[in-house]
Amino acid sequence: MSDLLVVAGEASGDRAGAAVLARMPGVRAFGMGGGALQGEGLELVADLRETTALGVAEVARRAYGVARAYTLLRAAVARRRPRAALLVNYTEFNARLAESLWASGTRVLWYGAPQVWAWRPGRAAPLRKHLDRMAVMLPFEEGLWRSVGVDAHYVGHPALEERRTDRVAARELLGMTPRAPAIAILPGSRPHEVRRLLTPMLGAYETVRRELASIDARVLLAPSLDDATRRWAADVAAFYQVDVVDVDARAGTAYAMPAFDAALCASGTASLECALARVVPIVCYRVGLATELGARALVTTPFVALPNVLLGRAAFPELLQRHATASRMTDALANVLEERDGYIEACDAVERALGPAASASRAVARMLEPWLGARASLSV
């Protein structure tokens, strides 16, 4: 019998789940993930690259991949009867899977809380019926989930335990000049994000480059992207004469981020990773009309960027939907480069808001250990 089912549907979840598995070398695991989880020994039943979509309209376009992954996982669970499941983010998919796991008697730990703070409250209640415990990444989430009856525990954010290189080493690694201002372009971990955001991001950089001849940039492509999207992005970047960096699935962006002063990034975990690396994030996002209309009916938070949510204020620029244009990105980028010291103070505040650095992966592994028995001996 395999001990543990692990399901991660996004690049950040792949890395977070892999860090947990690295703490549990005696555990046999299977499930869905990417290169990071596979590198820690996960037997891949489904590949997260087949499910990289967001929202009703985008998921519909990739319905076959999502449905196939779900079917494969259900069949594997029926055969192997795992003792426990670690579900990492990926809310809509994992919420459905949690219901079937709960019915089969598998213990369920959700890692990375669904963003109930951004939803209308009624969406949280159904999830509590199908979870044993929840490990949350943001400090205020523990109380929110406990208030609806979930055994939730704040374990710290995985980004806090990622090892970063220094600025000089990062620039040498990326082939960049030592002192010129540098921009990270992070167009997202899903194909539709990259195709909507990369061109205006590069257009903004090109405009700023006309004013600051010494400025440099790199496009950082997530490991979760499919080959077709990766080739398309490389062609677009080549047109703008910007080099592309393929982000390592296991290391993430931590090794590269210290090279940069600011970032044009898609909304998501990347914005928080940027702030923690003292790279000022300019958060951009576009979704399809159907997804936007659906989100308006469900979302209540005034902010999208995680650093702004943590601080409760618009500390960093957010350019969403019709505002995510090259001209607006240009203005935001110019302002950030001119006023960078003030933004760095906000980055410091983000790290303070997360609390003392803790090992999230170790805490999650300890939560799983009682369910998995002797095989779950932890490595420090």
Protein backbone atom coordinates (compact mmCIF):
# COMPACT_ATOMS: atom_id res chain seq x y z
CA MET A 1 0.00 0.00 0.00
CA SER A 2 1.36 3.44 -0.89
CA ASP A 3 1.42 5.69 2.13
CA LEU A 4 0.70 9.16 0.82
CA LEU A 5 -1.20 10.83 -2.00
CA VAL A 6 0.17 14.26 -2.95
CA VAL A 7 -1.68 16.57 -5.34
CA ALA A 8 -0.26 19.88 -6.54
CA GLY A 9 -1.59 21.63 -9.63
CA GLU A 10 0.67 24.69 -9.77
CA ALA A 11 4.40 25.39 -9.84
CA SER A 12 4.45 26.95 -6.36
CA GLY A 13 2.52 24.00 -4.94
CA ASP A 14 4.89 21.59 -6.67
CA ARG A 15 7.84 23.17 -4.83
CA ALA A 16 5.99 23.37 -1.51
CA GLY A 17 4.94 19.73 -1.70
CA ALA A 18 8.44 18.65 -2.71
CA ALA A 19 9.92 20.36 0.34
CA VAL A 20 7.57 18.31 2.54
CA LEU A 21 8.46 15.03 0.82
CA ALA A 22 12.15 15.83 1.27
CA ARG A 23 11.49 15.74 5.03
CA MET A 24 9.93 12.26 4.79
CA PRO A 25 12.40 9.98 2.97
CA GLY A 26 10.72 6.78 4.19
CA VAL A 27 7.33 7.58 2.69
CA ARG A 28 6.15 6.17 -0.63
CA ALA A 29 4.12 8.81 -2.44
CA PHE A 30 2.12 9.05 -5.65
CA GLY A 31 -0.11 11.68 -7.17
CA MET A 32 -0.01 14.81 -9.33
CA GLY A 33 2.80 17.33 -9.53
CA GLY A 34 5.71 18.47 -11.62
CA GLY A 35 9.48 18.27 -11.71
CA ALA A 36 10.04 19.25 -8.08
CA LEU A 37 7.79 16.56 -6.59
CA GLN A 38 9.02 13.99 -9.07
CA GLY A 39 12.57 14.86 -8.06
CA GLU A 40 11.71 13.96 -4.46
CA GLY A 41 10.41 10.55 -5.47
CA LEU A 42 6.74 11.17 -6.20
CA GLU A 43 5.33 8.60 -8.63
CA LEU A 44 3.52 10.79 -11.14
CA VAL A 45 0.01 9.58 -11.91
CA ALA A 46 -0.84 12.91 -13.55
CA ASP A 47 1.33 15.82 -14.69
CA LEU A 48 0.35 19.29 -13.49
CA ARG A 49 1.20 20.75 -16.91
CA GLU A 50 -1.96 19.12 -18.25
CA THR A 51 -4.11 21.10 -15.83
CA THR A 52 -2.56 24.58 -15.81
CA ALA A 53 -5.65 26.76 -16.17
CA LEU A 54 -7.58 29.27 -14.08
CA GLY A 55 -11.23 30.18 -13.91
CA VAL A 56 -14.34 28.84 -15.56
CA ALA A 57 -13.53 29.83 -19.13
CA GLU A 58 -9.89 28.73 -19.05
CA VAL A 59 -10.66 25.40 -17.33
CA ALA A 60 -13.29 24.72 -19.97
CA ARG A 61 -10.63 25.05 -22.66
CA ARG A 62 -8.45 22.50 -20.88
CA ALA A 63 -11.32 20.31 -19.71
CA TYR A 64 -9.86 17.15 -21.15
CA GLY A 65 -6.58 17.46 -19.26
CA VAL A 66 -8.28 18.32 -15.98
CA ALA A 67 -10.86 15.52 -16.29
CA ARG A 68 -8.20 13.00 -17.27
CA ALA A 69 -6.01 13.91 -14.28
CA TYR A 70 -8.96 13.59 -11.91
CA THR A 71 -9.95 10.20 -13.35
CA LEU A 72 -6.40 8.87 -13.13
CA LEU A 73 -6.05 10.01 -9.53
CA ARG A 74 -9.38 8.50 -8.48
CA ALA A 75 -8.40 5.18 -10.06
CA ALA A 76 -4.99 5.21 -8.38
CA VAL A 77 -6.56 5.98 -4.99
CA ALA A 78 -8.99 3.07 -5.40
CA ARG A 79 -6.12 0.69 -6.16
CA ARG A 80 -3.61 1.87 -3.58
CA ARG A 81 -5.80 3.07 -0.70
CA PRO A 82 -3.41 5.71 0.67
CA ARG A 83 -3.39 6.32 4.39
CA ALA A 84 -3.28 10.08 3.95
CA ALA A 85 -3.47 12.81 1.33
CA LEU A 86 -1.58 16.10 1.10
CA LEU A 87 -3.55 18.50 -1.10
CA VAL A 88 -1.52 21.59 -1.99
CA ASN A 89 -3.54 24.65 -3.03
CA TYR A 90 -5.34 24.19 -6.40
CA THR A 91 -8.70 24.86 -4.83
CA GLU A 92 -11.42 23.79 -7.26
CA PHE A 93 -9.74 20.54 -8.27
CA ASN A 94 -8.66 19.54 -4.77
CA ALA A 95 -11.99 20.43 -3.18
CA ARG A 96 -13.70 17.88 -5.41
CA LEU A 97 -10.98 15.31 -4.78
CA ALA A 98 -11.12 15.85 -1.00
CA GLU A 99 -14.77 14.86 -0.96
CA SER A 100 -14.06 11.47 -2.53
CA LEU A 101 -10.98 10.91 -0.36
CA TRP A 102 -12.95 11.65 2.78
CA ALA A 103 -15.65 9.19 1.74
CA SER A 104 -13.01 6.46 1.24
CA GLY A 105 -11.51 6.95 4.70
CA THR A 106 -8.27 8.66 3.64
CA ARG A 107 -7.04 11.31 6.09
CA VAL A 108 -6.85 14.70 4.37
CA LEU A 109 -4.41 17.54 5.08
CA TRP A 110 -4.86 20.68 2.99
CA TYR A 111 -1.64 22.70 2.63
CA GLY A 112 -2.07 26.31 1.57
CA ALA A 113 -5.55 27.45 2.47
CA PRO A 114 -8.13 28.28 -0.18
CA GLN A 115 -8.34 32.06 -0.14
CA VAL A 116 -11.50 32.35 1.92
CA TRP A 117 -10.55 35.91 2.84
CA ALA A 118 -11.13 36.85 -0.81
CA TRP A 119 -14.44 35.00 -1.19
CA ARG A 120 -17.95 35.48 -0.03
CA PRO A 121 -18.12 33.61 3.31
CA GLY A 122 -20.51 30.89 2.17
CA ARG A 123 -17.85 29.30 -0.04
CA ALA A 124 -15.75 28.19 2.95
CA ALA A 125 -18.35 26.12 4.77
CA PRO A 126 -18.59 23.11 2.39
CA LEU A 127 -14.83 22.48 2.49
CA ARG A 128 -14.72 21.87 6.23
CA LYS A 129 -16.73 18.66 5.86
CA HIS A 130 -13.99 16.89 3.91
CA LEU A 131 -10.78 17.89 5.72
CA ASP A 132 -9.03 16.54 8.79
CA ARG A 133 -6.56 19.38 9.16
CA MET A 134 -5.32 22.43 7.30
CA ALA A 135 -1.83 23.98 7.20
CA VAL A 136 -2.13 27.67 6.30
CA MET A 137 0.61 29.88 4.87
CA LEU A 138 -0.62 33.33 5.94
CA PRO A 139 -0.92 34.23 9.64
CA PHE A 140 -4.45 35.65 9.57
CA GLU A 141 -5.85 32.56 7.83
CA GLU A 142 -5.63 30.35 10.92
CA GLY A 143 -8.33 32.27 12.78
CA LEU A 144 -10.53 32.58 9.70
CA TRP A 145 -10.60 28.84 9.09
CA ARG A 146 -10.97 27.94 12.75
CA SER A 147 -14.02 30.21 12.89
CA VAL A 148 -15.78 27.87 10.42
CA GLY A 149 -14.75 24.71 12.25
CA VAL A 150 -11.54 23.68 10.48
CA ASP A 151 -8.54 22.43 12.50
CA ALA A 152 -6.19 25.00 10.94
CA HIS A 153 -2.59 25.75 11.90
CA TYR A 154 -0.29 28.52 10.67
CA VAL A 155 2.98 26.86 9.63
CA GLY A 156 4.73 29.78 7.93
CA HIS A 157 5.12 30.49 4.24
CA PRO A 158 7.31 28.17 2.12
CA ALA A 159 8.99 31.19 0.53
CA LEU A 160 10.56 32.02 3.90
CA GLU A 161 12.67 28.87 3.84
CA GLU A 162 13.92 29.17 0.26
CA ARG A 163 17.66 29.77 0.04
CA ARG A 164 18.71 32.81 -1.96
CA THR A 165 22.03 33.68 -3.54
CA ASP A 166 23.52 37.14 -3.13
CA ARG A 167 23.13 39.85 -5.76
CA VAL A 168 26.61 39.49 -7.27
CA ALA A 169 26.34 35.71 -7.61
CA ALA A 170 22.83 35.93 -9.06
CA ARG A 171 23.90 38.43 -11.71
CA GLU A 172 26.93 36.36 -12.65
CA LEU A 173 24.71 33.30 -12.98
CA LEU A 174 22.32 35.14 -15.29
CA GLY A 175 25.07 36.83 -17.33
CA MET A 176 24.07 40.34 -16.26
CA THR A 177 26.16 43.46 -15.70
CA PRO A 178 27.00 44.11 -12.03
CA ARG A 179 25.44 47.54 -11.46
CA ALA A 180 22.74 48.32 -14.03
CA PRO A 181 19.10 48.40 -12.86
CA ALA A 182 17.45 45.09 -13.70
CA ILE A 183 13.86 44.00 -14.21
CA ALA A 184 12.45 40.51 -13.74
CA ILE A 185 9.58 39.68 -16.07
CA LEU A 186 7.42 36.93 -14.56
CA PRO A 187 4.40 36.44 -16.84
CA GLY A 188 2.87 33.57 -14.86
CA SER A 189 2.84 29.81 -14.43
CA ARG A 190 -0.16 29.10 -16.68
CA PRO A 191 -0.22 29.32 -20.49
CA HIS A 192 -3.08 31.79 -20.70
CA GLU A 193 -1.33 34.14 -18.25
CA VAL A 194 1.85 34.16 -20.32
CA ARG A 195 0.02 34.77 -23.59
CA ARG A 196 -1.94 37.70 -22.14
CA LEU A 197 0.81 39.38 -20.13
CA LEU A 198 4.21 38.80 -21.72
CA THR A 199 3.85 41.16 -24.69
CA PRO A 200 2.70 44.24 -22.71
CA MET A 201 5.33 43.51 -20.04
CA LEU A 202 8.09 43.46 -22.65
CA GLY A 203 6.61 46.54 -24.30
CA ALA A 204 6.83 48.40 -20.99
CA TYR A 205 10.43 47.33 -20.51
CA GLU A 206 11.34 48.46 -24.04
CA THR A 207 9.89 51.92 -23.38
CA VAL A 208 11.82 52.30 -20.12
CA ARG A 209 14.98 51.03 -21.85
CA ARG A 210 14.81 53.97 -24.26
CA GLU A 211 15.18 56.31 -21.27
CA LEU A 212 17.66 54.18 -19.30
CA ALA A 213 20.05 52.66 -21.80
CA SER A 214 21.87 50.64 -19.15
CA ILE A 215 18.78 48.82 -17.81
CA ASP A 216 18.67 45.03 -18.12
CA ALA A 217 15.92 42.39 -17.93
CA ARG A 218 15.26 38.67 -18.04
CA VAL A 219 12.05 36.74 -18.72
CA LEU A 220 11.66 33.97 -16.13
CA LEU A 221 9.52 31.08 -17.40
CA ALA A 222 7.85 28.74 -14.91
CA PRO A 223 8.59 25.01 -15.17
CA SER A 224 4.86 24.25 -15.30
CA LEU A 225 4.50 25.75 -18.78
CA ASP A 226 4.00 23.45 -21.76
CA ASP A 227 6.51 23.34 -24.60
CA ALA A 228 4.32 25.26 -27.05
CA THR A 229 3.89 28.18 -24.64
CA ARG A 230 7.60 28.11 -23.85
CA ARG A 231 8.52 28.33 -27.55
CA TRP A 232 6.03 31.15 -28.11
CA ALA A 233 7.41 33.10 -25.15
CA ALA A 234 10.99 32.63 -26.35
CA ASP A 235 10.05 34.00 -29.79
CA VAL A 236 8.35 37.06 -28.28
CA ALA A 237 11.27 37.74 -25.94
CA ALA A 238 13.73 37.41 -28.83
CA PHE A 239 11.80 40.07 -30.75
CA TYR A 240 12.38 42.45 -27.82
CA GLN A 241 16.00 41.27 -27.45
CA VAL A 242 15.48 39.98 -23.91
CA ASP A 243 16.99 36.71 -22.71
CA VAL A 244 14.80 33.94 -21.31
CA VAL A 245 15.59 31.97 -18.15
CA ASP A 246 13.96 28.58 -17.61
CA VAL A 247 13.21 28.41 -13.89
CA ASP A 248 14.34 25.20 -12.21
CA ALA A 249 11.40 23.18 -10.92
CA ARG A 250 13.06 22.38 -7.60
CA ALA A 251 14.90 25.64 -6.86
CA GLY A 252 12.18 28.01 -8.05
CA THR A 253 13.15 31.65 -8.57
CA ALA A 254 15.07 32.04 -5.30
CA TYR A 255 18.48 31.69 -6.94
CA ALA A 256 17.71 34.39 -9.51
CA MET A 257 15.63 37.00 -7.70
CA PRO A 258 18.46 38.87 -5.89
CA ALA A 259 19.72 39.97 -9.32
CA PHE A 260 16.73 42.27 -9.85
CA ASP A 261 15.50 45.62 -8.58
CA ALA A 262 11.86 45.35 -9.64
CA ALA A 263 9.54 42.87 -11.30
CA LEU A 264 6.58 42.88 -13.62
CA CYS A 265 4.82 39.77 -12.37
CA ALA A 266 1.55 37.93 -12.70
CA SER A 267 -0.61 37.87 -9.59
CA GLY A 268 0.09 34.91 -7.33
CA THR A 269 2.85 33.54 -5.15
CA ALA A 270 5.48 35.26 -7.31
CA SER A 271 4.51 38.68 -5.94
CA LEU A 272 5.21 37.52 -2.39
CA GLU A 273 8.47 35.84 -3.40
CA CYS A 274 9.55 39.10 -5.03
CA ALA A 275 8.79 41.18 -1.96
CA LEU A 276 10.68 38.78 0.32
CA ALA A 277 13.71 39.02 -2.01
CA ARG A 278 13.45 42.85 -1.91
CA VAL A 279 12.46 42.95 -5.56
CA VAL A 280 9.60 45.44 -5.88
CA PRO A 281 6.62 43.67 -7.49
CA ILE A 282 4.33 45.37 -9.99
CA VAL A 283 1.42 42.96 -10.05
CA CYS A 284 -0.41 42.51 -13.36
CA TYR A 285 -3.32 40.31 -14.31
CA ARG A 286 -5.78 39.64 -17.09
CA VAL A 287 -8.44 36.93 -17.32
CA GLY A 288 -11.21 36.26 -19.82
CA LEU A 289 -14.51 38.11 -19.59
CA ALA A 290 -16.45 35.10 -18.27
CA THR A 291 -13.91 34.55 -15.50
CA GLU A 292 -13.89 38.25 -14.62
CA LEU A 293 -17.68 38.35 -14.29
CA GLY A 294 -17.63 35.23 -12.13
CA ALA A 295 -14.92 36.66 -9.89
CA ARG A 296 -16.85 39.89 -9.35
CA ALA A 297 -19.70 37.87 -7.87
CA LEU A 298 -17.44 35.95 -5.48
CA VAL A 299 -14.46 38.10 -4.53
CA THR A 300 -14.72 40.64 -1.72
CA THR A 301 -11.11 41.67 -1.01
CA PRO A 302 -9.98 45.09 -2.30
CA PHE A 303 -6.52 43.72 -3.15
CA VAL A 304 -5.19 40.96 -5.40
CA ALA A 305 -1.46 40.99 -4.65
CA LEU A 306 -0.56 38.88 -1.61
CA PRO A 307 1.84 41.52 -0.21
CA ASN A 308 -0.96 44.10 -0.30
CA VAL A 309 -3.36 41.65 1.34
CA LEU A 310 -0.85 41.01 4.13
CA LEU A 311 -0.28 44.72 4.75
CA GLY A 312 -3.91 45.73 4.31
CA ARG A 313 -2.98 48.57 1.96
CA ALA A 314 -1.96 49.25 -1.63
CA ALA A 315 1.78 49.15 -0.91
CA PHE A 316 2.64 47.83 -4.38
CA PRO A 317 1.09 48.63 -7.78
CA GLU A 318 -1.73 46.42 -9.05
CA LEU A 319 -2.62 46.60 -12.75
CA LEU A 320 -5.64 44.43 -13.42
CA GLN A 321 -7.73 43.67 -16.49
CA ARG A 322 -8.06 46.75 -18.74
CA HIS A 323 -5.40 48.52 -16.66
CA ALA A 324 -2.79 45.82 -17.44
CA THR A 325 -1.48 47.69 -20.48
CA ALA A 326 2.05 48.42 -21.62
CA SER A 327 1.64 52.16 -20.98
CA ARG A 328 0.42 51.65 -17.40
CA MET A 329 3.17 49.13 -16.75
CA THR A 330 5.69 51.65 -18.09
CA ASP A 331 4.47 54.35 -15.69
CA ALA A 332 4.51 51.96 -12.73
CA LEU A 333 7.97 50.69 -13.58
CA ALA A 334 9.41 54.19 -13.91
CA ASN A 335 7.90 55.17 -10.56
CA VAL A 336 9.20 52.06 -8.79
CA LEU A 337 12.74 52.60 -10.08
CA GLU A 338 12.65 56.24 -8.99
CA GLU A 339 11.10 55.62 -5.56
CA ARG A 340 12.60 52.20 -4.85
CA ASP A 341 13.75 52.95 -1.29
CA GLY A 342 10.17 53.55 -0.15
CA TYR A 343 9.02 50.31 -1.74
CA ILE A 344 11.85 48.41 -0.05
CA GLU A 345 10.47 49.57 3.30
CA ALA A 346 7.16 47.97 2.29
CA CYS A 347 9.03 44.76 1.41
CA ASP A 348 10.50 44.77 4.91
CA ALA A 349 6.99 45.16 6.33
CA VAL A 350 5.79 42.13 4.35
CA GLU A 351 8.44 39.93 5.93
CA ARG A 352 7.54 41.23 9.40
CA ALA A 353 3.86 40.51 8.73
CA LEU A 354 4.65 36.85 8.07
CA GLY A 355 6.27 36.55 11.48
CA PRO A 356 9.50 34.80 12.47
CA ALA A 357 10.99 32.55 9.83
CA ALA A 358 9.86 28.97 10.36
CA SER A 359 10.18 25.72 8.46
CA ALA A 360 6.77 25.24 6.89
CA SER A 361 7.83 21.96 5.30
CA ARG A 362 8.92 20.49 8.63
CA ALA A 363 5.68 21.56 10.31
CA VAL A 364 3.55 19.99 7.57
CA ALA A 365 5.56 16.76 7.68
CA ARG A 366 4.96 16.55 11.43
CA MET A 367 1.22 16.99 10.87
CA LEU A 368 1.25 14.03 8.47
CA GLU A 369 3.49 11.80 10.57
CA PRO A 370 0.84 10.34 12.95
CA TRP A 371 -1.26 9.16 10.00
CA LEU A 372 1.60 7.45 8.18
CA GLY A 373 3.16 5.43 10.98
CA ALA A 374 6.74 4.23 11.22
CA ARG A 375 7.61 4.95 7.58
CA ALA A 376 7.18 8.66 8.15
CA SER A 377 10.45 9.10 10.04
CA LEU A 378 11.42 12.71 9.48
CA SER A 379 14.74 14.12 8.36
CA VAL A 380 15.69 17.47 9.82
